[in-house]
Amino acid sequence: KDSDLAFVRWAICAILTWKNTTVPENIFHIHGTKDNILPIRFTKPDVSIPNEGHFMVYTKGYQVSEIIRKKLDSL
């Protein structure tokens, strides 16, 4: 709601037209199921956090940290 409209339009266009063909190795993707900025239906996350949005790192920081800690412990 508080984002600059010109920036949001630029960012959405950049995401939608990105032509990346190389997926980096060792990516671990955590995504909120209620992300309205980057909807989960366009992603393939390794872990999804139910009912969380784009700022889940802030709203569910402890839970995100635990997921990352478990992943690192498994390496």
PDB file of N, CA and C in Angstrom:
ATOM      1  N   LYS A   1       0.809  -1.197   0.000  1.00  0.00           N
ATOM      2  CA  LYS A   1       0.000   0.000   0.000  1.00  0.00           C
ATOM      3  C   LYS A   1       0.850   1.258   0.000  1.00  0.00           C
ATOM      4  N   ASP A   2       1.999   1.189   0.666  1.00  0.00           N
ATOM      5  CA  ASP A   2       2.837   2.373   0.805  1.00  0.00           C
ATOM      6  C   ASP A   2       3.925   2.467  -0.259  1.00  0.00           C
ATOM      7  N   SER A   3       3.973   1.504  -1.177  1.00  0.00           N
ATOM      8  CA  SER A   3       5.018   1.510  -2.202  1.00  0.00           C
ATOM      9  C   SER A   3       4.733   2.543  -3.281  1.00  0.00           C
ATOM     10  N   ASP A   4       5.800   3.071  -3.839  1.00  0.00           N
ATOM     11  CA  ASP A   4       5.704   4.015  -4.945  1.00  0.00           C
ATOM     12  C   ASP A   4       5.142   3.282  -6.168  1.00  0.00           C
ATOM     13  N   LEU A   5       4.082   3.797  -6.752  1.00  0.00           N
ATOM     14  CA  LEU A   5       3.399   3.122  -7.855  1.00  0.00           C
ATOM     15  C   LEU A   5       4.320   2.913  -9.058  1.00  0.00           C
ATOM     16  N   ALA A   6       5.161   3.889  -9.363  1.00  0.00           N
ATOM     17  CA  ALA A   6       6.089   3.738 -10.492  1.00  0.00           C
ATOM     18  C   ALA A   6       7.054   2.578 -10.239  1.00  0.00           C
ATOM     19  N   PHE A   7       7.536   2.447  -9.006  1.00  0.00           N
ATOM     20  CA  PHE A   7       8.443   1.347  -8.672  1.00  0.00           C
ATOM     21  C   PHE A   7       7.732   0.005  -8.786  1.00  0.00           C
ATOM     22  N   VAL A   8       6.518  -0.076  -8.263  1.00  0.00           N
ATOM     23  CA  VAL A   8       5.766  -1.336  -8.313  1.00  0.00           C
ATOM     24  C   VAL A   8       5.546  -1.759  -9.759  1.00  0.00           C
ATOM     25  N   ARG A   9       5.168  -0.834 -10.611  1.00  0.00           N
ATOM     26  CA  ARG A   9       4.970  -1.155 -12.029  1.00  0.00           C
ATOM     27  C   ARG A   9       6.269  -1.636 -12.669  1.00  0.00           C
ATOM     28  N   TRP A  10       7.371  -0.950 -12.376  1.00  0.00           N
ATOM     29  CA  TRP A  10       8.669  -1.351 -12.926  1.00  0.00           C
ATOM     30  C   TRP A  10       9.031  -2.764 -12.441  1.00  0.00           C
ATOM     31  N   ALA A  11       8.856  -3.017 -11.146  1.00  0.00           N
ATOM     32  CA  ALA A  11       9.241  -4.303 -10.569  1.00  0.00           C
ATOM     33  C   ALA A  11       8.411  -5.447 -11.159  1.00  0.00           C
ATOM     34  N   ILE A  12       7.118  -5.234 -11.285  1.00  0.00           N
ATOM     35  CA  ILE A  12       6.259  -6.275 -11.858  1.00  0.00           C
ATOM     36  C   ILE A  12       6.664  -6.557 -13.302  1.00  0.00           C
ATOM     37  N   CYS A  13       6.915  -5.514 -14.064  1.00  0.00           N
ATOM     38  CA  CYS A  13       7.352  -5.698 -15.453  1.00  0.00           C
ATOM     39  C   CYS A  13       8.682  -6.447 -15.507  1.00  0.00           C
ATOM     40  N   ALA A  14       9.614  -6.086 -14.632  1.00  0.00           N
ATOM     41  CA  ALA A  14      10.924  -6.748 -14.607  1.00  0.00           C
ATOM     42  C   ALA A  14      10.781  -8.233 -14.286  1.00  0.00           C
ATOM     43  N   ILE A  15       9.921  -8.564 -13.351  1.00  0.00           N
ATOM     44  CA  ILE A  15       9.715  -9.961 -12.977  1.00  0.00           C
ATOM     45  C   ILE A  15       9.060 -10.737 -14.120  1.00  0.00           C
ATOM     46  N   LEU A  16       8.024 -10.156 -14.705  1.00  0.00           N
ATOM     47  CA  LEU A  16       7.274 -10.857 -15.742  1.00  0.00           C
ATOM     48  C   LEU A  16       8.052 -11.042 -17.040  1.00  0.00           C
ATOM     49  N   THR A  17       9.035 -10.182 -17.293  1.00  0.00           N
ATOM     50  CA  THR A  17       9.789 -10.274 -18.541  1.00  0.00           C
ATOM     51  C   THR A  17      11.196 -10.831 -18.346  1.00  0.00           C
ATOM     52  N   TRP A  18      11.509 -11.295 -17.135  1.00  0.00           N
ATOM     53  CA  TRP A  18      12.838 -11.832 -16.848  1.00  0.00           C
ATOM     54  C   TRP A  18      13.038 -13.103 -17.649  1.00  0.00           C
ATOM     55  N   LYS A  19      14.143 -13.197 -18.357  1.00  0.00           N
ATOM     56  CA  LYS A  19      14.434 -14.330 -19.245  1.00  0.00           C
ATOM     57  C   LYS A  19      15.568 -15.194 -18.712  1.00  0.00           C
ATOM     58  N   ASN A  20      15.632 -15.386 -17.423  1.00  0.00           N
ATOM     59  CA  ASN A  20      16.680 -16.212 -16.846  1.00  0.00           C
ATOM     60  C   ASN A  20      16.528 -17.660 -17.316  1.00  0.00           C
ATOM     61  N   THR A  21      17.594 -18.244 -17.802  1.00  0.00           N
ATOM     62  CA  THR A  21      17.565 -19.635 -18.249  1.00  0.00           C
ATOM     63  C   THR A  21      18.405 -20.539 -17.348  1.00  0.00           C
ATOM     64  N   THR A  22      19.162 -19.961 -16.454  1.00  0.00           N
ATOM     65  CA  THR A  22      20.023 -20.724 -15.566  1.00  0.00           C
ATOM     66  C   THR A  22      19.490 -20.649 -14.141  1.00  0.00           C
ATOM     67  N   VAL A  23      19.147 -21.794 -13.596  1.00  0.00           N
ATOM     68  CA  VAL A  23      18.705 -21.843 -12.204  1.00  0.00           C
ATOM     69  C   VAL A  23      19.924 -22.139 -11.345  1.00  0.00           C
ATOM     70  N   PRO A  24      20.274 -21.231 -10.443  1.00  0.00           N
ATOM     71  CA  PRO A  24      21.442 -21.478  -9.588  1.00  0.00           C
ATOM     72  C   PRO A  24      21.263 -22.739  -8.750  1.00  0.00           C
ATOM     73  N   GLU A  25      22.360 -23.409  -8.483  1.00  0.00           N
ATOM     74  CA  GLU A  25      22.321 -24.586  -7.629  1.00  0.00           C
ATOM     75  C   GLU A  25      22.153 -24.157  -6.177  1.00  0.00           C
ATOM     76  N   ASN A  26      21.723 -25.088  -5.363  1.00  0.00           N
ATOM     77  CA  ASN A  26      21.610 -24.881  -3.917  1.00  0.00           C
ATOM     78  C   ASN A  26      20.643 -23.772  -3.523  1.00  0.00           C
ATOM     79  N   ILE A  27      19.577 -23.608  -4.285  1.00  0.00           N
ATOM     80  CA  ILE A  27      18.545 -22.648  -3.928  1.00  0.00           C
ATOM     81  C   ILE A  27      17.524 -23.353  -3.052  1.00  0.00           C
ATOM     82  N   PHE A  28      17.145 -22.716  -1.969  1.00  0.00           N
ATOM     83  CA  PHE A  28      16.115 -23.224  -1.077  1.00  0.00           C
ATOM     84  C   PHE A  28      15.074 -22.126  -0.940  1.00  0.00           C
ATOM     85  N   HIS A  29      13.904 -22.354  -1.491  1.00  0.00           N
ATOM     86  CA  HIS A  29      12.881 -21.329  -1.625  1.00  0.00           C
ATOM     87  C   HIS A  29      11.794 -21.504  -0.567  1.00  0.00           C
ATOM     88  N   ILE A  30      11.598 -20.463   0.241  1.00  0.00           N
ATOM     89  CA  ILE A  30      10.541 -20.417   1.240  1.00  0.00           C
ATOM     90  C   ILE A  30       9.558 -19.351   0.778  1.00  0.00           C
ATOM     91  N   HIS A  31       8.259 -19.682   0.761  1.00  0.00           N
ATOM     92  CA  HIS A  31       7.278 -18.747   0.212  1.00  0.00           C
ATOM     93  C   HIS A  31       5.998 -18.781   1.030  1.00  0.00           C
ATOM     94  N   GLY A  32       5.398 -17.629   1.236  1.00  0.00           N
ATOM     95  CA  GLY A  32       4.121 -17.544   1.937  1.00  0.00           C
ATOM     96  C   GLY A  32       2.954 -17.835   0.998  1.00  0.00           C
ATOM     97  N   THR A  33       1.967 -18.579   1.476  1.00  0.00           N
ATOM     98  CA  THR A  33       0.839 -18.951   0.626  1.00  0.00           C
ATOM     99  C   THR A  33      -0.090 -17.776   0.319  1.00  0.00           C
ATOM    100  N   LYS A  34       0.011 -16.710   1.078  1.00  0.00           N
ATOM    101  CA  LYS A  34      -0.856 -15.540   0.867  1.00  0.00           C
ATOM    102  C   LYS A  34      -0.064 -14.340   0.352  1.00  0.00           C
ATOM    103  N   ASP A  35       1.045 -14.587  -0.329  1.00  0.00           N
ATOM    104  CA  ASP A  35       1.855 -13.507  -0.892  1.00  0.00           C
ATOM    105  C   ASP A  35       1.097 -12.887  -2.063  1.00  0.00           C
ATOM    106  N   ASN A  36       0.652 -11.656  -1.905  1.00  0.00           N
ATOM    107  CA  ASN A  36      -0.089 -10.968  -2.960  1.00  0.00           C
ATOM    108  C   ASN A  36       0.829 -10.253  -3.940  1.00  0.00           C
ATOM    109  N   ILE A  37       2.087 -10.053  -3.570  1.00  0.00           N
ATOM    110  CA  ILE A  37       3.037  -9.373  -4.454  1.00  0.00           C
ATOM    111  C   ILE A  37       3.611 -10.365  -5.460  1.00  0.00           C
ATOM    112  N   LEU A  38       4.046 -11.524  -4.979  1.00  0.00           N
ATOM    113  CA  LEU A  38       4.527 -12.608  -5.842  1.00  0.00           C
ATOM    114  C   LEU A  38       3.717 -13.850  -5.493  1.00  0.00           C
ATOM    115  N   PRO A  39       2.535 -14.018  -6.095  1.00  0.00           N
ATOM    116  CA  PRO A  39       1.647 -15.122  -5.733  1.00  0.00           C
ATOM    117  C   PRO A  39       2.305 -16.499  -5.861  1.00  0.00           C
ATOM    118  N   ILE A  40       2.006 -17.342  -4.903  1.00  0.00           N
ATOM    119  CA  ILE A  40       2.620 -18.670  -4.842  1.00  0.00           C
ATOM    120  C   ILE A  40       2.292 -19.510  -6.069  1.00  0.00           C
ATOM    121  N   ARG A  41       1.178 -19.245  -6.734  1.00  0.00           N
ATOM    122  CA  ARG A  41       0.805 -20.060  -7.906  1.00  0.00           C
ATOM    123  C   ARG A  41       1.822 -19.941  -9.043  1.00  0.00           C
ATOM    124  N   PHE A  42       2.675 -18.921  -8.996  1.00  0.00           N
ATOM    125  CA  PHE A  42       3.704 -18.748 -10.022  1.00  0.00           C
ATOM    126  C   PHE A  42       5.061 -19.273  -9.569  1.00  0.00           C
ATOM    127  N   THR A  43       5.105 -19.952  -8.429  1.00  0.00           N
ATOM    128  CA  THR A  43       6.376 -20.402  -7.872  1.00  0.00           C
ATOM    129  C   THR A  43       6.365 -21.903  -7.619  1.00  0.00           C
ATOM    130  N   LYS A  44       7.522 -22.425  -7.267  1.00  0.00           N
ATOM    131  CA  LYS A  44       7.670 -23.823  -6.880  1.00  0.00           C
ATOM    132  C   LYS A  44       8.559 -23.863  -5.639  1.00  0.00           C
ATOM    133  N   PRO A  45       8.030 -23.392  -4.506  1.00  0.00           N
ATOM    134  CA  PRO A  45       8.873 -23.324  -3.304  1.00  0.00           C
ATOM    135  C   PRO A  45       9.180 -24.695  -2.715  1.00  0.00           C
ATOM    136  N   ASP A  46      10.293 -24.760  -2.007  1.00  0.00           N
ATOM    137  CA  ASP A  46      10.637 -25.973  -1.264  1.00  0.00           C
ATOM    138  C   ASP A  46       9.764 -26.082  -0.013  1.00  0.00           C
ATOM    139  N   VAL A  47       9.470 -24.944   0.586  1.00  0.00           N
ATOM    140  CA  VAL A  47       8.637 -24.884   1.783  1.00  0.00           C
ATOM    141  C   VAL A  47       7.680 -23.710   1.633  1.00  0.00           C
ATOM    142  N   SER A  48       6.426 -23.920   1.985  1.00  0.00           N
ATOM    143  CA  SER A  48       5.475 -22.819   2.002  1.00  0.00           C
ATOM    144  C   SER A  48       4.986 -22.622   3.428  1.00  0.00           C
ATOM    145  N   ILE A  49       4.774 -21.359   3.771  1.00  0.00           N
ATOM    146  CA  ILE A  49       4.275 -21.021   5.096  1.00  0.00           C
ATOM    147  C   ILE A  49       2.815 -20.596   4.937  1.00  0.00           C
ATOM    148  N   PRO A  50       1.900 -21.379   5.498  1.00  0.00           N
ATOM    149  CA  PRO A  50       0.472 -21.103   5.328  1.00  0.00           C
ATOM    150  C   PRO A  50       0.064 -19.731   5.850  1.00  0.00           C
ATOM    151  N   ASN A  51      -0.801 -19.086   5.095  1.00  0.00           N
ATOM    152  CA  ASN A  51      -1.427 -17.821   5.485  1.00  0.00           C
ATOM    153  C   ASN A  51      -0.451 -16.678   5.723  1.00  0.00           C
ATOM    154  N   GLU A  52       0.734 -16.750   5.134  1.00  0.00           N
ATOM    155  CA  GLU A  52       1.708 -15.665   5.276  1.00  0.00           C
ATOM    156  C   GLU A  52       1.926 -14.982   3.937  1.00  0.00           C
ATOM    157  N   GLY A  53       2.247 -13.702   4.003  1.00  0.00           N
ATOM    158  CA  GLY A  53       2.424 -12.897   2.811  1.00  0.00           C
ATOM    159  C   GLY A  53       3.871 -12.589   2.500  1.00  0.00           C
ATOM    160  N   HIS A  54       4.064 -11.529   1.742  1.00  0.00           N
ATOM    161  CA  HIS A  54       5.375 -11.161   1.223  1.00  0.00           C
ATOM    162  C   HIS A  54       6.365 -10.773   2.332  1.00  0.00           C
ATOM    163  N   PHE A  55       5.854 -10.310   3.456  1.00  0.00           N
ATOM    164  CA  PHE A  55       6.728  -9.858   4.539  1.00  0.00           C
ATOM    165  C   PHE A  55       6.818 -10.875   5.671  1.00  0.00           C
ATOM    166  N   MET A  56       6.717 -12.158   5.330  1.00  0.00           N
ATOM    167  CA  MET A  56       6.740 -13.207   6.337  1.00  0.00           C
ATOM    168  C   MET A  56       8.065 -13.259   7.096  1.00  0.00           C
ATOM    169  N   VAL A  57       9.135 -12.786   6.492  1.00  0.00           N
ATOM    170  CA  VAL A  57      10.418 -12.761   7.206  1.00  0.00           C
ATOM    171  C   VAL A  57      10.302 -11.850   8.425  1.00  0.00           C
ATOM    172  N   TYR A  58       9.470 -10.847   8.326  1.00  0.00           N
ATOM    173  CA  TYR A  58       9.227  -9.931   9.440  1.00  0.00           C
ATOM    174  C   TYR A  58       8.134 -10.475  10.365  1.00  0.00           C
ATOM    175  N   THR A  59       7.010 -10.926   9.780  1.00  0.00           N
ATOM    176  CA  THR A  59       5.879 -11.350  10.596  1.00  0.00           C
ATOM    177  C   THR A  59       6.069 -12.728  11.221  1.00  0.00           C
ATOM    178  N   LYS A  60       6.852 -13.580  10.586  1.00  0.00           N
ATOM    179  CA  LYS A  60       7.113 -14.935  11.081  1.00  0.00           C
ATOM    180  C   LYS A  60       8.610 -15.223  11.085  1.00  0.00           C
ATOM    181  N   GLY A  61       9.384 -14.238  11.502  1.00  0.00           N
ATOM    182  CA  GLY A  61      10.843 -14.364  11.477  1.00  0.00           C
ATOM    183  C   GLY A  61      11.371 -15.594  12.190  1.00  0.00           C
ATOM    184  N   TYR A  62      10.801 -15.894  13.351  1.00  0.00           N
ATOM    185  CA  TYR A  62      11.269 -17.060  14.096  1.00  0.00           C
ATOM    186  C   TYR A  62      11.022 -18.343  13.310  1.00  0.00           C
ATOM    187  N   GLN A  63       9.841 -18.462  12.719  1.00  0.00           N
ATOM    188  CA  GLN A  63       9.499 -19.666  11.942  1.00  0.00           C
ATOM    189  C   GLN A  63      10.403 -19.791  10.713  1.00  0.00           C
ATOM    190  N   VAL A  64      10.642 -18.697  10.017  1.00  0.00           N
ATOM    191  CA  VAL A  64      11.531 -18.712   8.849  1.00  0.00           C
ATOM    192  C   VAL A  64      12.942 -19.102   9.279  1.00  0.00           C
ATOM    193  N   SER A  65      13.399 -18.545  10.392  1.00  0.00           N
ATOM    194  CA  SER A  65      14.738 -18.882  10.895  1.00  0.00           C
ATOM    195  C   SER A  65      14.858 -20.359  11.236  1.00  0.00           C
ATOM    196  N   GLU A  66      13.817 -20.933  11.817  1.00  0.00           N
ATOM    197  CA  GLU A  66      13.831 -22.361  12.143  1.00  0.00           C
ATOM    198  C   GLU A  66      13.900 -23.220  10.889  1.00  0.00           C
ATOM    199  N   ILE A  67      13.177 -22.828   9.858  1.00  0.00           N
ATOM    200  CA  ILE A  67      13.218 -23.571   8.591  1.00  0.00           C
ATOM    201  C   ILE A  67      14.623 -23.522   8.008  1.00  0.00           C
ATOM    202  N   ILE A  68      15.232 -22.356   8.020  1.00  0.00           N
ATOM    203  CA  ILE A  68      16.591 -22.198   7.499  1.00  0.00           C
ATOM    204  C   ILE A  68      17.586 -22.989   8.346  1.00  0.00           C
ATOM    205  N   ARG A  69      17.431 -22.916   9.672  1.00  0.00           N
ATOM    206  CA  ARG A  69      18.346 -23.640  10.562  1.00  0.00           C
ATOM    207  C   ARG A  69      18.268 -25.139  10.299  1.00  0.00           C
ATOM    208  N   LYS A  70      17.057 -25.692  10.150  1.00  0.00           N
ATOM    209  CA  LYS A  70      16.906 -27.119   9.863  1.00  0.00           C
ATOM    210  C   LYS A  70      17.516 -27.499   8.531  1.00  0.00           C
ATOM    211  N   LYS A  71      17.351 -26.636   7.555  1.00  0.00           N
ATOM    212  CA  LYS A  71      17.941 -26.909   6.237  1.00  0.00           C
ATOM    213  C   LYS A  71      19.463 -26.926   6.330  1.00  0.00           C
ATOM    214  N   LEU A  72      20.041 -25.961   7.009  1.00  0.00           N
ATOM    215  CA  LEU A  72      21.498 -25.905   7.152  1.00  0.00           C
ATOM    216  C   LEU A  72      22.021 -27.101   7.945  1.00  0.00           C
ATOM    217  N   ASP A  73      21.286 -27.526   8.949  1.00  0.00           N
ATOM    218  CA  ASP A  73      21.698 -28.690   9.742  1.00  0.00           C
ATOM    219  C   ASP A  73      21.683 -29.963   8.907  1.00  0.00           C
ATOM    220  N   SER A  74      20.856 -30.001   7.874  1.00  0.00           N
ATOM    221  CA  SER A  74      20.753 -31.215   7.052  1.00  0.00           C
ATOM    222  C   SER A  74      21.815 -31.286   5.968  1.00  0.00           C
ATOM    223  N   LEU A  75      22.570 -30.233   5.778  1.00  0.00           N
ATOM    224  CA  LEU A  75      23.609 -30.226   4.726  1.00  0.00           C
ATOM    225  C   LEU A  75      24.851 -30.981   5.151  1.00  0.00           C
TER     226      LEU A  75
END
